[in-house]
């Protein structure tokens, strides 16, 4: 028996409203927790008013909400299926010959649609807002200009052009009007990787077309080191591109990530984190569909779990296990142990296969 269009629309609306309510409740809880945390961090800051704290919490809310959206889909799927169970509508549909696959198809389509909207519309908005949050955090909480996020070993940058190659190292960096580095060492090489010189400078500012070095010592293999109050070293790097390369992946829109990854890797930056984030966004619609399958696994046969309480606990535990495995896989991908695309897609595909297997067992086993 085929599922009627009327019942499909009814179940789709029920599922969509349950997901929406679950997501709003999660957002409210996240906002309160983040607001309290920001109040704690700004207690000693006399120049920060309540309105600024509220603004910062609201700006970070969409980004944090994206983390719990899959759980909202899981909870919404469970809530809608439990409601149909209590009203006996699910029992009637199953007695009429409707299979679990036909019954879940409307929810799967809606979940996939939510995932597409979350990636193409919600993500760019969240990325813009969390970027603004970072600026306010640097200004009001950290009390300093925006600093480049460098490793403990310092800032490393590789560049290659038609004239040769260079490796830039700095202990500290900041980004205000441009890119400024302190305690800079620049190693120069020819196209054939032959060492051609070294520059040591107190500071370096990236200008359009060149590095402007201050208090620089220039050492070449064939001569004595020479001192320069200022020295200009040609470069093809652009300040905005260097600055963007130190942004967290969450601050870059889904639509801008492919171009950013390509340009960053051409400039010698590592874009592994951004590539993993991009693949994770692509996997989001499938992840939401997987959450529907997980919800159905724990909702179609309530009696086997012994009650609604055990059902909810088991489903939430399964959701957290999937979240943990996803984070573990992303950590392996970030460290280079597994390829980025495998790190982003493996947990979702494994969870989907397990959910399908469980539903096959419940339906046909």
Protein backbone atom coordinates (compact mmCIF):
# COMPACT_ATOMS: atom_id res chain seq x y z
CA UNK A 1 0.00 0.00 0.00
CA UNK A 2 1.23 3.47 -0.87
CA UNK A 3 1.19 6.27 1.68
CA UNK A 4 -1.40 8.89 0.79
CA UNK A 5 -0.33 12.43 -0.07
CA UNK A 6 -2.55 13.80 2.71
CA UNK A 7 -0.90 11.68 5.38
CA UNK A 8 2.57 12.50 3.99
CA UNK A 9 1.90 16.22 4.33
CA UNK A 10 0.45 15.70 7.80
CA UNK A 11 3.49 13.76 9.01
CA UNK A 12 5.87 16.23 7.34
CA UNK A 13 4.26 19.19 9.12
CA UNK A 14 4.25 17.30 12.40
CA UNK A 15 7.92 16.40 12.06
CA UNK A 16 8.95 19.90 10.94
CA UNK A 17 7.12 21.56 13.85
CA UNK A 18 8.65 19.10 16.35
CA UNK A 19 12.15 19.81 15.01
CA UNK A 20 11.51 23.56 15.13
CA UNK A 21 10.29 23.48 18.72
CA UNK A 22 13.22 21.26 19.77
CA UNK A 23 15.70 23.59 18.08
CA UNK A 24 14.21 26.69 19.73
CA UNK A 25 14.39 25.04 23.15
CA UNK A 26 18.04 24.10 22.52
CA UNK A 27 18.80 27.67 21.41
CA UNK A 28 17.22 29.07 24.57
CA UNK A 29 19.29 26.79 26.80
CA UNK A 30 22.47 27.58 24.87
CA UNK A 31 21.83 31.32 25.04
CA UNK A 32 21.32 31.27 28.81
CA UNK A 33 24.44 29.16 29.39
CA UNK A 34 26.59 31.28 27.07
CA UNK A 35 25.20 34.51 28.53
CA UNK A 36 26.15 33.41 32.04
CA UNK A 37 29.63 32.41 30.85
CA UNK A 38 30.14 35.79 29.15
CA UNK A 39 28.99 37.56 32.31
CA UNK A 40 31.59 35.62 34.27
CA UNK A 41 34.33 36.56 31.80
CA UNK A 42 33.37 40.25 31.82
CA UNK A 43 32.87 40.66 35.57
CA UNK A 44 36.17 42.53 35.97
CA UNK A 45 35.60 44.71 32.89
CA UNK A 46 34.03 47.99 33.97
CA UNK A 47 33.60 49.31 30.43
CA UNK A 48 31.38 46.44 29.27
CA UNK A 49 27.65 46.97 29.69
CA UNK A 50 24.87 44.42 29.74
CA UNK A 51 23.84 45.31 26.19
CA UNK A 52 27.29 44.38 24.87
CA UNK A 53 27.20 41.03 26.65
CA UNK A 54 23.75 40.29 25.24
CA UNK A 55 24.92 41.29 21.77
CA UNK A 56 27.93 38.97 22.00
CA UNK A 57 25.76 36.08 23.18
CA UNK A 58 23.32 36.64 20.31
CA UNK A 59 26.13 36.84 17.76
CA UNK A 60 27.59 33.50 18.85
CA UNK A 61 24.20 31.81 19.24
CA UNK A 62 23.72 30.72 15.56
CA UNK A 63 27.17 29.10 15.45
CA UNK A 64 26.55 27.19 18.67
CA UNK A 65 23.06 26.32 17.46
CA UNK A 66 24.49 24.64 14.37
CA UNK A 67 26.21 22.13 16.68
CA UNK A 68 22.92 21.01 18.25
CA UNK A 69 20.78 21.06 15.10
CA UNK A 70 21.32 17.32 14.45
CA UNK A 71 20.11 16.60 18.00
CA UNK A 72 17.05 18.77 17.34
CA UNK A 73 16.29 16.59 14.31
CA UNK A 74 16.73 13.47 16.44
CA UNK A 75 14.49 14.76 19.23
CA UNK A 76 11.94 16.09 16.74
CA UNK A 77 11.80 12.74 14.96
CA UNK A 78 11.27 10.90 18.23
CA UNK A 79 8.62 13.36 19.43
CA UNK A 80 6.61 13.13 16.20
CA UNK A 81 6.78 9.32 16.10
CA UNK A 82 5.83 9.03 19.77
CA UNK A 83 2.86 11.29 19.20
CA UNK A 84 1.67 9.09 16.33
CA UNK A 85 2.18 6.04 18.54
CA UNK A 86 0.11 7.49 21.38
CA UNK A 87 -2.71 8.47 19.02
CA UNK A 88 -2.60 5.01 17.39
CA UNK A 89 -2.11 6.62 13.97
CA UNK A 90 1.12 4.75 13.48
CA UNK A 91 -0.54 1.46 14.44
CA UNK A 92 -3.35 2.04 11.94
CA UNK A 93 -0.91 2.92 9.17
CA UNK A 94 1.16 -0.20 9.82
CA UNK A 95 -2.00 -2.35 9.96
CA UNK A 96 -3.04 -0.93 6.58
CA UNK A 97 0.16 -2.30 5.06
CA UNK A 98 2.34 0.81 5.08
CA UNK A 99 5.99 -0.19 5.46
CA UNK A 100 8.42 1.63 7.69
CA UNK A 101 10.26 2.91 4.61
CA UNK A 102 7.12 4.48 3.16
CA UNK A 103 6.19 5.89 6.54
CA UNK A 104 9.58 7.52 7.15
CA UNK A 105 10.06 8.87 3.63
CA UNK A 106 8.34 12.24 4.31
CA UNK A 107 10.46 12.82 7.42
CA UNK A 108 13.64 11.86 5.55
CA UNK A 109 12.84 14.34 2.77
CA UNK A 110 12.12 17.10 5.30
CA UNK A 111 15.34 16.31 7.20
CA UNK A 112 17.34 16.47 3.96
CA UNK A 113 15.69 19.81 3.12
CA UNK A 114 16.57 21.15 6.58
CA UNK A 115 20.16 20.08 6.02
CA UNK A 116 20.35 21.87 2.67
CA UNK A 117 18.93 25.08 4.16
CA UNK A 118 21.28 24.81 7.14
CA UNK A 119 24.30 24.57 4.85
CA UNK A 120 23.38 27.06 2.13
CA UNK A 121 21.51 29.73 4.13
CA UNK A 122 21.97 29.26 7.88
CA UNK A 123 25.74 28.62 7.74
CA UNK A 124 26.69 31.87 5.92
CA UNK A 125 24.65 33.90 8.42
CA UNK A 126 26.18 32.06 11.39
CA UNK A 127 29.70 32.50 9.95
CA UNK A 128 29.24 36.25 9.59
CA UNK A 129 27.83 36.62 13.09
CA UNK A 130 30.50 34.53 14.83
CA UNK A 131 33.17 36.54 12.99
CA UNK A 132 31.67 39.72 14.46
CA UNK A 133 31.60 38.03 17.85
CA UNK A 134 35.34 37.37 17.55
CA UNK A 135 36.00 41.06 16.90
CA UNK A 136 33.97 42.09 19.95
CA UNK A 137 35.67 39.46 22.07
CA UNK A 138 39.12 40.74 21.07
CA UNK A 139 38.10 44.33 21.74
CA UNK A 140 36.19 44.06 25.01
CA UNK A 141 37.31 40.83 26.71
CA UNK A 142 40.87 40.28 25.52
CA UNK A 143 41.52 44.02 25.45
CA UNK A 144 43.77 43.97 22.42
CA UNK A 145 43.74 44.17 18.67
CA UNK A 146 42.99 41.08 16.70
CA UNK A 147 45.94 38.72 17.05
CA UNK A 148 46.93 36.11 14.56
CA UNK A 149 46.47 32.61 15.91
CA UNK A 150 49.99 31.17 15.77
CA UNK A 151 51.41 27.94 17.07
CA UNK A 152 53.76 27.70 20.02
CA UNK A 153 56.65 27.46 17.56
CA UNK A 154 55.57 30.72 15.95
CA UNK A 155 54.21 31.82 12.61
CA UNK A 156 55.34 29.88 9.54
CA UNK A 157 54.64 30.82 5.93
CA UNK A 158 55.93 29.47 2.64
CA UNK A 159 55.73 31.34 -0.66
CA UNK A 160 56.91 30.48 -4.17
CA UNK A 161 56.98 32.73 -7.24
CA UNK A 162 58.82 33.06 -10.53
CA UNK A 163 61.97 34.46 -8.87
CA UNK A 164 62.38 31.90 -6.10
CA UNK A 165 61.01 30.62 -2.81
CA UNK A 166 60.89 32.03 0.71
CA UNK A 167 60.05 30.75 4.17
CA UNK A 168 58.85 33.31 6.73
CA UNK A 169 59.01 32.72 10.48
CA UNK A 170 57.83 35.05 13.25
CA UNK A 171 57.29 34.61 16.97
CA UNK A 172 54.23 36.87 17.16
CA UNK A 173 51.75 38.47 14.83
CA UNK A 174 48.83 40.89 14.85
CA UNK A 175 46.26 42.10 12.35
CA UNK A 176 44.86 45.61 12.60
CA UNK A 177 45.06 47.61 9.37
CA UNK A 178 47.32 44.92 7.90
CA UNK A 179 49.50 41.96 8.81
CA UNK A 180 52.31 42.81 11.23
CA UNK A 181 54.87 40.28 12.48
CA UNK A 182 57.50 40.58 15.22
CA UNK A 183 60.91 38.86 15.52
CA UNK A 184 60.96 37.86 11.88
CA UNK A 185 63.33 35.53 10.00
CA UNK A 186 62.97 35.08 6.23
CA UNK A 187 64.92 32.36 4.41
CA UNK A 188 65.32 32.84 0.65
CA UNK A 189 65.87 30.06 -1.89
CA UNK A 190 66.20 29.84 -5.65
CA UNK A 191 63.81 27.91 -7.87
CA UNK A 192 66.22 24.95 -7.55
CA UNK A 193 65.99 25.07 -3.71
CA UNK A 194 69.48 26.54 -3.31
CA UNK A 195 69.87 28.85 -0.31
CA UNK A 196 70.23 32.46 -1.50
CA UNK A 197 69.99 34.57 1.65
CA UNK A 198 68.48 35.29 5.03
CA UNK A 199 66.74 38.31 6.52
CA UNK A 200 66.42 38.96 10.27
CA UNK A 201 64.14 41.85 11.26
CA UNK A 202 62.54 43.23 14.40
CA UNK A 203 59.20 43.54 12.61
CA UNK A 204 57.60 43.07 9.21
CA UNK A 205 54.42 44.61 7.82
CA UNK A 206 52.75 43.09 4.77
CA UNK A 207 51.97 45.80 2.25
CA UNK A 208 50.41 45.29 -1.19
CA UNK A 209 53.27 43.83 -3.22
CA UNK A 210 56.02 43.73 -0.59
CA UNK A 211 57.08 43.06 3.00
CA UNK A 212 58.25 46.20 4.79
CA UNK A 213 60.96 45.13 7.23
CA UNK A 214 62.25 47.27 10.11
CA UNK A 215 65.74 46.96 11.64
CA UNK A 216 66.66 44.25 9.18
CA UNK A 217 69.91 42.36 8.74
CA UNK A 218 70.49 40.93 5.27
CA UNK A 219 72.87 37.98 5.00
CA UNK A 220 73.91 36.44 1.68
CA UNK A 221 76.16 33.42 1.07
CA UNK A 222 78.79 35.49 -0.76
CA UNK A 223 79.03 38.55 1.48
CA UNK A 224 78.97 40.04 4.98
CA UNK A 225 75.63 40.80 6.69
CA UNK A 226 74.35 44.33 6.07
CA UNK A 227 72.01 46.37 8.25
CA UNK A 228 68.96 48.27 6.91
CA UNK A 229 66.69 50.57 8.88
CA UNK A 230 63.91 49.61 6.47
CA UNK A 231 63.94 47.00 3.75
CA UNK A 232 61.32 46.06 1.15
CA UNK A 233 61.06 42.45 0.07
CA UNK A 234 58.75 41.83 -2.94
CA UNK A 235 55.88 39.37 -2.41
CA UNK A 236 52.70 38.32 -4.18
CA UNK A 237 50.80 37.77 -0.93
CA UNK A 238 47.80 39.96 -0.16
CA UNK A 239 47.11 41.11 3.44
CA UNK A 240 43.46 40.11 3.34
CA UNK A 241 44.34 36.59 2.21
CA UNK A 242 46.89 36.11 4.98
CA UNK A 243 44.42 37.40 7.53
CA UNK A 244 41.67 35.07 6.30
CA UNK A 245 44.04 32.12 6.50
CA UNK A 246 44.10 32.42 10.29
CA UNK A 247 40.33 32.57 10.65
CA UNK A 248 38.66 29.57 12.17
CA UNK A 249 36.70 27.49 9.62
CA UNK A 250 33.44 28.40 11.38
CA UNK A 251 33.92 32.07 10.45
CA UNK A 252 34.00 31.39 6.70
CA UNK A 253 30.82 30.94 4.69
CA UNK A 254 30.09 27.64 2.98
CA UNK A 255 30.04 29.41 -0.38
CA UNK A 256 33.49 30.98 0.21
CA UNK A 257 35.25 27.87 1.49
CA UNK A 258 36.19 26.25 -1.86
CA UNK A 259 37.90 29.41 -3.18
CA UNK A 260 39.51 30.04 0.19
CA UNK A 261 40.95 26.51 0.38
CA UNK A 262 42.39 26.78 -3.13
CA UNK A 263 43.98 30.19 -2.53
CA UNK A 264 45.30 29.25 0.91
CA UNK A 265 47.02 26.12 -0.36
CA UNK A 266 48.51 28.05 -3.31
CA UNK A 267 49.96 30.55 -0.82
CA UNK A 268 51.55 27.76 1.22
CA UNK A 269 49.04 27.66 4.08
CA UNK A 270 47.61 24.44 5.46
CA UNK A 271 43.88 24.31 4.74
CA UNK A 272 43.25 20.85 6.20
CA UNK A 273 40.95 22.15 8.94
CA UNK A 274 38.94 24.18 6.45
CA UNK A 275 38.71 21.28 4.02
CA UNK A 276 37.42 18.97 6.77
CA UNK A 277 34.88 21.62 7.78
CA UNK A 278 33.74 21.94 4.16
CA UNK A 279 33.27 18.19 3.79
CA UNK A 280 31.40 18.10 7.12
CA UNK A 281 28.99 20.73 5.83
CA UNK A 282 28.43 18.69 2.67
CA UNK A 283 27.63 15.66 4.84
CA UNK A 284 25.11 17.57 6.99
CA UNK A 285 21.96 16.74 4.94
CA UNK A 286 22.86 13.04 5.05
CA UNK A 287 23.55 13.34 8.78
CA UNK A 288 20.08 14.77 9.37
CA UNK A 289 18.53 11.89 7.41
CA UNK A 290 20.56 9.51 9.57
CA UNK A 291 19.12 11.12 12.70
CA UNK A 292 15.62 10.30 11.42
CA UNK A 293 16.63 6.65 11.03
CA UNK A 294 18.08 6.62 14.55
CA UNK A 295 14.89 8.18 15.92
CA UNK A 296 12.78 5.57 14.12
CA UNK A 297 14.94 2.72 15.44
CA UNK A 298 14.07 3.69 19.02
CA UNK A 299 10.48 4.79 18.36
CA UNK A 300 8.87 2.17 16.14
CA UNK A 301 8.92 -0.58 18.81
CA UNK A 302 8.37 1.03 22.21
CA UNK A 303 7.48 -2.20 23.99
CA UNK A 304 10.86 -3.74 23.25
CA UNK A 305 12.60 -1.01 25.20
CA UNK A 306 10.24 -1.23 28.13
CA UNK A 307 8.81 2.29 28.03
CA UNK A 308 9.18 5.85 26.87
CA UNK A 309 11.80 6.73 29.51
CA UNK A 310 14.21 4.03 28.43
CA UNK A 311 13.48 4.89 24.81
CA UNK A 312 14.47 8.53 25.26
CA UNK A 313 17.61 7.66 27.22
CA UNK A 314 18.72 5.08 24.64
CA UNK A 315 18.13 7.45 21.71
CA UNK A 316 19.95 10.35 23.37
CA UNK A 317 22.85 8.04 24.23
CA UNK A 318 23.02 6.91 20.60
CA UNK A 319 23.04 10.54 19.47
CA UNK A 320 25.89 11.42 21.84
CA UNK A 321 27.84 8.37 20.71
CA UNK A 322 27.49 9.54 17.12
CA UNK A 323 28.61 13.03 18.18
CA UNK A 324 31.63 11.57 20.00
CA UNK A 325 32.62 9.37 17.06
CA UNK A 326 32.25 12.34 14.70
CA UNK A 327 34.56 14.48 16.84
CA UNK A 328 37.04 11.64 17.13
CA UNK A 329 37.03 11.14 13.38
CA UNK A 330 37.53 14.88 12.78
CA UNK A 331 40.45 14.85 15.22
CA UNK A 332 42.06 12.02 13.26
CA UNK A 333 41.50 13.98 10.07
CA UNK A 334 42.99 17.17 11.53
CA UNK A 335 46.12 15.29 12.59
CA UNK A 336 46.52 13.78 9.12
CA UNK A 337 45.92 10.17 10.20
CA UNK A 338 43.00 9.76 7.80
CA UNK A 339 42.03 11.76 4.69
CA UNK A 340 39.76 14.80 5.30
CA UNK A 341 36.86 13.48 3.22
CA UNK A 342 36.91 10.17 5.09
CA UNK A 343 37.07 11.96 8.46
CA UNK A 344 33.98 14.01 7.59
CA UNK A 345 31.85 11.33 5.96
CA UNK A 346 32.75 8.08 7.75
CA UNK A 347 30.74 8.58 11.01
CA UNK A 348 27.62 9.65 9.12
CA UNK A 349 27.75 6.75 6.67
CA UNK A 350 28.48 4.20 9.42
CA UNK A 351 25.58 5.51 11.52
CA UNK A 352 23.28 5.40 8.49
CA UNK A 353 24.22 1.80 7.73
CA UNK A 354 23.62 0.81 11.36
CA UNK A 355 20.25 2.58 11.37
CA UNK A 356 19.19 0.91 8.13
CA UNK A 357 20.28 -2.48 9.49
CA UNK A 358 18.25 -1.97 12.67
CA UNK A 359 15.16 -0.93 10.73
CA UNK A 360 15.52 -3.90 8.37
CA UNK A 361 15.63 -6.16 11.41
CA UNK A 362 12.59 -4.50 13.00
CA UNK A 363 10.62 -4.51 9.77
CA UNK A 364 11.56 -7.81 8.18
CA UNK A 365 13.43 -9.72 10.90
